[in-house]
Amino acid sequence: MGVPEDLERCGIAGYGRFGCALFALGGVAALLDYAILDAPRLRVANTGVPAVGKGCNVSLSGASAATPTALMAPLMPSTPTTPAASKRPAAPAGVVGKAVAEAFEQFALTQREKLAKYAEAGAEPPDPNVKGVKYSTVLQSIPLAPPILDHDAARGAGGGKKNIVGKFAFGKKGRCVVYGMGIATNSAFEQSMAAMGCETHAFDCTVNPENKVVKDKEFTFHDWCIGKSGSSIGRGNLYAGTQTNFVFKTLGETMKELGHDTIDLLKFDIEGFEWRLFEEELLTSSSLPAQLSFELHCEGANPAFVPVANVRGKGFTQVNKLFLDLFDLGYRVASKEVNFYDPACAEFVMVNVNSH
């Protein structure tokens, strides 16, 4: 879905002349107001509330929901350097961030209503013929676009470049920790994050440490999979081949072993094992990653890659219930891309608005 027209006019999508960029990294969004002059009257998120002034200095009143505690951490700009700009009064610290935070959260709450509706037992998709029908009612709940995202999700094919939020800022904010689960034959994402200065760890129990895809790279490779001890990949899986002995460690065990209390970005493409990861660890964790980038697999996914047992019973309502639970933990969908080759799979990026 696209960015609402009024927010796009305000520069949230990185378009136009208004110079406002919504920077959402690790779920903590900040509005950078560059005090562009002569901006016309704007309206925020179809609320009907007029916004007058420079750039994205807007006001919002009458919000029905409680103000989100951490959707925006406003970063006010330095004093304008142009003579004309210096004559204009500065917006009170925090006003801009609060206004936009409320607008964004009101928009997100409309998406939550849809998730709740279709998470009910027996719910049917509104359009059963749409591609990726199992994901059809999971929509972008924080409307971002390039350059804040890596690319336009509407043009993505799923399974390619990870459309994470604010990638350009990783490594610039001090220490950042990135976990990449599921490597197979492509470690480009992990390499790119390590090259940006992040402490990056890659995990895959089906990859030999001597394989060129992980050997002598900037990231640290671990030849175990994330999951409960005793888990199995299953016979006939193209990634497992003839291998039968796999090492599994839970996410909690892994973080403890590596000495991490928090993770800035958790990326996983683990062929249906993500359902267990959500149910057994992420949905009950007290230390949630700031950002998630993952491929979700559902019933009907190609069994050559996704063990049937991993996705049995995972359909339309289960998908909506999962994203409803994630929403209530503070996660918002920033990007969705249905896999071009297998519409039973889709790539998502989510940011945690409660992360500091």
Protein backbone atom coordinates (compact mmCIF):
# COMPACT_ATOMS: atom_id res chain seq x y z
CA MET A 1 0.00 0.00 0.00
CA GLY A 2 1.15 3.55 -0.56
CA VAL A 3 1.77 6.43 1.77
CA PRO A 4 -1.35 8.50 2.59
CA GLU A 5 -1.47 11.52 0.33
CA ASP A 6 -1.32 14.07 3.13
CA LEU A 7 1.69 12.44 4.77
CA GLU A 8 3.38 12.10 1.38
CA ARG A 9 2.90 15.82 0.78
CA CYS A 10 4.60 16.36 4.11
CA GLY A 11 7.66 14.53 2.83
CA ILE A 12 7.29 11.40 4.94
CA ALA A 13 7.94 9.26 1.88
CA GLY A 14 11.05 11.21 1.03
CA TYR A 15 9.36 13.02 -1.88
CA GLY A 16 8.70 16.66 -2.61
CA ARG A 17 10.37 19.85 -1.45
CA PHE A 18 9.47 19.85 2.21
CA GLY A 19 12.61 18.17 3.47
CA CYS A 20 11.00 16.14 6.25
CA ALA A 21 12.33 12.63 6.69
CA LEU A 22 10.79 10.13 9.02
CA PHE A 23 13.68 8.17 10.42
CA ALA A 24 12.54 4.93 12.06
CA LEU A 25 15.40 2.82 13.32
CA GLY A 26 14.92 0.05 15.83
CA GLY A 27 11.31 1.06 16.22
CA VAL A 28 12.13 4.52 17.63
CA ALA A 29 11.02 7.06 15.04
CA ALA A 30 12.33 10.60 14.91
CA LEU A 31 11.09 13.51 12.83
CA LEU A 32 13.86 15.69 11.42
CA ASP A 33 12.35 19.06 10.54
CA TYR A 34 14.66 20.99 8.26
CA ALA A 35 12.63 24.18 8.49
CA ILE A 36 11.93 24.54 4.78
CA LEU A 37 10.37 27.92 4.07
CA ASP A 38 7.09 28.83 2.42
CA ALA A 39 5.41 25.47 2.92
CA PRO A 40 1.69 25.51 2.09
CA ARG A 41 -1.03 24.48 4.47
CA LEU A 42 -0.99 20.71 5.04
CA ARG A 43 -3.28 18.17 6.60
CA VAL A 44 -2.09 15.29 8.71
CA ALA A 45 -3.14 11.69 8.04
CA ASN A 46 -6.61 12.63 6.78
CA THR A 47 -7.58 13.90 10.23
CA GLY A 48 -8.86 17.14 8.78
CA VAL A 49 -6.56 19.07 11.09
CA PRO A 50 -4.84 21.94 9.24
CA ALA A 51 -1.13 22.29 9.69
CA VAL A 52 0.47 25.63 9.01
CA GLY A 53 4.11 26.55 8.92
CA LYS A 54 7.46 25.29 7.83
CA GLY A 55 8.14 21.79 6.65
CA CYS A 56 6.36 19.30 8.85
CA ASN A 57 5.67 21.52 11.84
CA VAL A 58 2.12 20.33 12.38
CA SER A 59 -0.44 20.14 15.12
CA LEU A 60 -2.92 17.42 15.90
CA SER A 61 -5.80 17.46 18.34
CA GLY A 62 -8.66 15.23 19.32
CA ALA A 63 -6.80 11.93 19.03
CA SER A 64 -8.98 9.23 20.50
CA ALA A 65 -6.17 6.86 21.45
CA ALA A 66 -3.57 7.36 24.14
CA THR A 67 -0.38 8.99 22.94
CA PRO A 68 2.17 6.27 22.09
CA THR A 69 5.03 6.30 24.55
CA ALA A 70 7.82 5.71 22.10
CA LEU A 71 6.64 5.96 18.52
CA MET A 72 8.51 9.23 18.14
CA ALA A 73 11.64 10.43 19.88
CA PRO A 74 11.77 13.92 18.37
CA LEU A 75 15.14 15.28 17.37
CA MET A 76 14.85 19.01 16.94
CA PRO A 77 17.13 20.61 14.34
CA SER A 78 19.81 23.15 15.01
CA THR A 79 19.03 26.84 14.60
CA PRO A 80 18.33 27.66 10.93
CA THR A 81 21.26 29.38 9.24
CA THR A 82 19.38 31.40 6.63
CA PRO A 83 18.35 34.92 7.64
CA ALA A 84 14.73 34.41 6.59
CA ALA A 85 14.40 31.19 8.52
CA SER A 86 15.88 32.69 11.66
CA LYS A 87 13.00 35.16 11.86
CA ARG A 88 10.45 32.40 12.28
CA PRO A 89 9.69 31.16 15.83
CA ALA A 90 10.88 27.62 16.53
CA ALA A 91 8.32 24.96 17.35
CA PRO A 92 8.32 23.90 21.01
CA ALA A 93 10.50 20.86 21.60
CA GLY A 94 8.50 17.69 21.28
CA VAL A 95 5.39 19.21 19.67
CA VAL A 96 6.27 18.06 16.18
CA GLY A 97 7.20 14.57 17.25
CA LYS A 98 4.06 14.15 19.34
CA ALA A 99 1.76 15.34 16.58
CA VAL A 100 3.20 13.07 13.95
CA ALA A 101 3.42 10.18 16.41
CA GLU A 102 -0.28 10.46 17.12
CA ALA A 103 -1.12 10.63 13.41
CA PHE A 104 0.97 7.57 12.67
CA GLU A 105 -0.48 5.62 15.58
CA GLN A 106 -4.05 6.49 14.59
CA PHE A 107 -3.27 5.14 11.13
CA ALA A 108 -1.74 2.00 12.65
CA LEU A 109 -4.80 1.39 14.80
CA THR A 110 -6.98 1.17 11.69
CA GLN A 111 -4.77 -1.67 10.51
CA ARG A 112 -5.07 -3.38 13.88
CA GLU A 113 -8.86 -3.38 13.53
CA LYS A 114 -8.53 -5.37 10.31
CA LEU A 115 -6.15 -7.86 11.91
CA ALA A 116 -8.54 -8.41 14.81
CA LYS A 117 -11.47 -8.94 12.45
CA TYR A 118 -9.72 -11.54 10.33
CA ALA A 119 -8.01 -13.29 13.25
CA GLU A 120 -11.38 -14.62 14.40
CA ALA A 121 -12.04 -18.31 13.86
CA GLY A 122 -13.71 -18.97 10.53
CA ALA A 123 -12.81 -15.58 9.03
CA GLU A 124 -12.48 -15.59 5.27
CA PRO A 125 -10.31 -13.30 3.13
CA PRO A 126 -12.24 -10.48 1.44
CA ASP A 127 -10.78 -11.41 -1.96
CA PRO A 128 -9.93 -15.12 -2.20
CA ASN A 129 -8.40 -14.69 -5.66
CA VAL A 130 -5.70 -12.16 -4.80
CA LYS A 131 -2.09 -13.32 -4.99
CA GLY A 132 -0.73 -14.13 -1.56
CA VAL A 133 -4.25 -14.36 -0.17
CA LYS A 134 -3.06 -15.61 3.23
CA TYR A 135 -1.32 -12.27 3.76
CA SER A 136 -3.87 -10.06 2.01
CA THR A 137 -5.17 -8.33 5.15
CA VAL A 138 -1.75 -7.73 6.70
CA LEU A 139 -1.01 -4.21 5.51
CA GLN A 140 1.66 -1.63 6.10
CA SER A 141 0.87 -0.04 9.46
CA ILE A 142 3.68 2.51 9.52
CA PRO A 143 3.70 4.19 6.10
CA LEU A 144 7.33 4.51 5.07
CA ALA A 145 9.01 4.61 1.67
CA PRO A 146 12.49 5.08 0.21
CA PRO A 147 14.95 6.36 1.23
CA ILE A 148 13.84 5.35 4.71
CA LEU A 149 13.16 1.88 3.31
CA ASP A 150 15.67 0.22 1.03
CA HIS A 151 13.20 0.05 -1.86
CA ASP A 152 9.56 0.38 -2.79
CA ALA A 153 7.88 -2.68 -1.29
CA ALA A 154 5.16 -2.57 -3.95
CA ARG A 155 7.80 -3.36 -6.55
CA GLY A 156 9.62 -5.99 -4.53
CA ALA A 157 9.43 -9.70 -5.28
CA GLY A 158 10.15 -11.08 -1.81
CA GLY A 159 13.28 -13.07 -1.11
CA GLY A 160 15.62 -10.43 -2.52
CA LYS A 161 17.14 -7.44 -0.76
CA LYS A 162 15.93 -6.98 2.79
CA ASN A 163 13.77 -3.88 3.00
CA ILE A 164 14.86 -2.85 6.46
CA VAL A 165 14.17 0.56 7.96
CA GLY A 166 16.97 3.11 8.07
CA LYS A 167 19.74 0.81 6.93
CA PHE A 168 21.91 3.81 6.09
CA ALA A 169 22.08 4.71 9.79
CA PHE A 170 23.16 1.32 11.12
CA GLY A 171 26.67 1.52 12.49
CA LYS A 172 26.44 5.30 12.93
CA LYS A 173 24.65 5.22 16.27
CA GLY A 174 27.25 3.32 18.21
CA ARG A 175 27.23 -0.40 18.79
CA CYS A 176 24.64 -2.35 16.82
CA VAL A 177 23.98 -6.07 17.00
CA VAL A 178 22.53 -7.97 14.05
CA TYR A 179 21.55 -11.64 13.90
CA GLY A 180 20.99 -13.37 10.56
CA MET A 181 19.27 -16.74 10.78
CA GLY A 182 19.19 -18.89 7.67
CA ILE A 183 22.06 -18.42 5.19
CA ALA A 184 21.87 -21.30 2.68
CA THR A 185 23.78 -20.02 -0.36
CA ASN A 186 23.47 -16.26 0.18
CA SER A 187 25.16 -14.25 2.92
CA ALA A 188 25.00 -10.88 1.15
CA PHE A 189 22.77 -9.35 3.82
CA GLU A 190 25.02 -10.40 6.68
CA GLN A 191 28.08 -9.17 4.80
CA SER A 192 26.48 -5.79 4.15
CA MET A 193 25.52 -5.30 7.81
CA ALA A 194 28.99 -6.27 9.00
CA ALA A 195 30.55 -3.87 6.49
CA MET A 196 28.46 -1.07 7.97
CA GLY A 197 30.08 -1.64 11.34
CA CYS A 198 27.50 -3.79 13.08
CA GLU A 199 28.45 -6.77 15.17
CA THR A 200 26.87 -9.35 12.91
CA HIS A 201 26.30 -13.03 13.64
CA ALA A 202 25.01 -15.56 11.11
CA PHE A 203 23.42 -18.92 11.98
CA ASP A 204 22.73 -21.98 9.86
CA CYS A 205 23.11 -25.62 10.85
CA THR A 206 22.90 -26.76 7.21
CA VAL A 207 25.99 -24.83 6.10
CA ASN A 208 29.54 -26.12 6.55
CA PRO A 209 31.83 -23.52 8.18
CA GLU A 210 34.30 -24.14 5.33
CA ASN A 211 31.73 -23.15 2.72
CA LYS A 212 32.82 -20.03 0.84
CA VAL A 213 29.49 -18.38 1.57
CA VAL A 214 30.47 -18.01 5.24
CA LYS A 215 34.24 -18.60 5.45
CA ASP A 216 36.56 -15.62 6.02
CA LYS A 217 33.72 -13.10 6.07
CA GLU A 218 33.43 -9.97 8.19
CA PHE A 219 30.53 -11.46 10.13
CA THR A 220 30.82 -14.29 12.65
CA PHE A 221 29.31 -17.59 11.54
CA HIS A 222 27.80 -20.19 13.89
CA ASP A 223 26.92 -23.63 12.55
CA TRP A 224 23.77 -24.10 14.57
CA CYS A 225 20.13 -23.32 13.92
CA ILE A 226 17.87 -21.35 16.20
CA GLY A 227 15.31 -23.61 17.84
CA LYS A 228 14.79 -26.10 20.62
CA SER A 229 17.33 -28.85 21.09
CA GLY A 230 16.22 -32.01 19.33
CA SER A 231 14.51 -30.21 16.46
CA SER A 232 14.89 -31.70 12.99
CA ILE A 233 15.05 -30.25 9.49
CA GLY A 234 13.30 -33.28 7.97
CA ARG A 235 14.19 -35.61 5.16
CA GLY A 236 13.92 -34.51 1.55
CA ASN A 237 14.74 -30.90 2.31
CA LEU A 238 17.01 -29.37 -0.33
CA TYR A 239 19.01 -27.44 2.24
CA ALA A 240 19.61 -30.40 4.53
CA GLY A 241 20.61 -32.86 1.82
CA THR A 242 21.70 -36.15 3.38
CA GLN A 243 22.69 -34.53 6.67
CA THR A 244 20.78 -35.84 9.69
CA ASN A 245 22.54 -34.44 12.77
CA PHE A 246 21.78 -30.80 13.39
CA VAL A 247 22.60 -28.56 16.33
CA PHE A 248 19.79 -26.33 17.59
CA LYS A 249 19.97 -23.65 20.25
CA THR A 250 17.17 -21.34 21.31
CA LEU A 251 17.42 -17.62 20.72
CA GLY A 252 17.70 -17.07 24.46
CA GLU A 253 20.52 -19.58 24.76
CA THR A 254 22.28 -18.02 21.80
CA MET A 255 22.06 -14.48 23.17
CA LYS A 256 23.36 -15.62 26.55
CA GLU A 257 26.27 -17.51 24.98
CA LEU A 258 27.24 -14.50 22.86
CA GLY A 259 26.76 -12.01 25.67
CA HIS A 260 23.91 -9.99 24.18
CA ASP A 261 21.03 -8.46 26.12
CA THR A 262 19.41 -6.86 23.09
CA ILE A 263 19.38 -7.22 19.31
CA ASP A 264 18.99 -4.26 16.99
CA LEU A 265 17.93 -6.32 13.98
CA LEU A 266 16.85 -9.95 13.81
CA LYS A 267 16.64 -11.32 10.29
CA PHE A 268 15.36 -14.85 9.70
CA ASP A 269 14.41 -16.95 6.72
CA ILE A 270 14.12 -20.38 8.28
CA GLU A 271 11.61 -22.28 6.18
CA GLY A 272 8.64 -22.48 8.49
CA PHE A 273 10.59 -22.79 11.72
CA GLU A 274 9.72 -19.11 12.31
CA TRP A 275 6.30 -20.16 13.67
CA ARG A 276 7.99 -21.93 16.58
CA LEU A 277 10.36 -19.01 17.04
CA PHE A 278 7.39 -16.65 17.37
CA GLU A 279 5.31 -18.92 19.57
CA GLU A 280 8.04 -20.23 21.86
CA GLU A 281 10.34 -17.22 22.16
CA LEU A 282 9.53 -13.87 20.54
CA LEU A 283 5.90 -13.56 21.67
CA THR A 284 6.90 -14.29 25.27
CA SER A 285 10.27 -12.52 25.38
CA SER A 286 11.08 -9.64 27.71
CA SER A 287 13.89 -8.48 25.41
CA LEU A 288 12.44 -7.95 21.96
CA PRO A 289 14.56 -7.06 18.92
CA ALA A 290 14.18 -3.48 17.77
CA GLN A 291 13.51 -4.58 14.21
CA LEU A 292 12.48 -7.82 12.53
CA SER A 293 13.11 -8.84 8.93
CA PHE A 294 11.69 -12.24 8.08
CA GLU A 295 10.03 -14.46 5.55
CA LEU A 296 6.82 -16.06 6.75
CA HIS A 297 5.81 -19.41 5.27
CA CYS A 298 2.30 -20.82 5.27
CA GLU A 299 0.50 -24.03 4.41
CA GLY A 300 1.01 -24.79 0.73
CA ALA A 301 4.60 -23.56 0.59
CA ASN A 302 6.96 -25.59 -1.60
CA PRO A 303 7.79 -28.73 0.45
CA ALA A 304 11.18 -29.01 -1.24
CA PHE A 305 12.23 -26.02 0.86
CA VAL A 306 9.67 -25.83 3.67
CA PRO A 307 9.00 -28.96 5.76
CA VAL A 308 5.24 -29.64 5.61
CA ALA A 309 5.04 -30.19 9.37
CA ASN A 310 6.34 -26.67 10.01
CA VAL A 311 3.41 -24.98 8.29
CA ARG A 312 0.57 -27.43 8.77
CA GLY A 313 -2.54 -25.49 9.81
CA LYS A 314 -0.89 -22.12 9.23
CA GLY A 315 -3.33 -20.24 7.06
CA PHE A 316 -5.22 -16.97 6.72
CA THR A 317 -6.58 -16.61 10.26
CA GLN A 318 -3.33 -17.80 11.85
CA VAL A 319 -1.40 -15.16 9.94
CA ASN A 320 -3.74 -12.41 11.12
CA LYS A 321 -3.57 -13.68 14.70
CA LEU A 322 0.23 -13.65 14.59
CA PHE A 323 0.40 -10.07 13.35
CA LEU A 324 -2.25 -9.00 15.84
CA ASP A 325 -0.09 -10.42 18.65
CA LEU A 326 2.99 -8.69 17.24
CA PHE A 327 1.08 -5.41 16.97
CA ASP A 328 0.15 -5.59 20.64
CA LEU A 329 3.81 -6.12 21.50
CA GLY A 330 4.63 -2.86 19.73
CA TYR A 331 5.57 -4.07 16.25
CA ARG A 332 4.37 -2.26 13.14
CA VAL A 333 4.60 -3.52 9.56
CA ALA A 334 6.91 -1.27 7.54
CA SER A 335 7.17 -3.51 4.46
CA LYS A 336 5.41 -6.51 2.94
CA GLU A 337 6.44 -8.36 -0.22
CA VAL A 338 4.68 -11.52 -1.37
CA ASN A 339 7.15 -14.00 -2.83
CA PHE A 340 6.93 -13.87 -6.61
CA TYR A 341 7.68 -17.57 -7.05
CA ASP A 342 5.73 -18.94 -4.09
CA PRO A 343 2.77 -16.82 -2.90
CA ALA A 344 2.48 -18.99 0.22
CA CYS A 345 5.53 -17.07 1.42
CA ALA A 346 5.99 -13.37 2.09
CA GLU A 347 8.77 -11.09 3.34
CA PHE A 348 8.05 -8.64 6.15
CA VAL A 349 9.92 -5.91 7.97
CA MET A 350 8.58 -4.76 11.32
CA VAL A 351 9.79 -2.07 13.72
CA ASN A 352 9.17 -2.08 17.45
CA VAL A 353 7.76 1.34 18.42
CA ASN A 354 8.34 0.54 22.11
CA SER A 355 12.07 0.10 21.58
CA HIS A 356 14.37 2.78 23.00
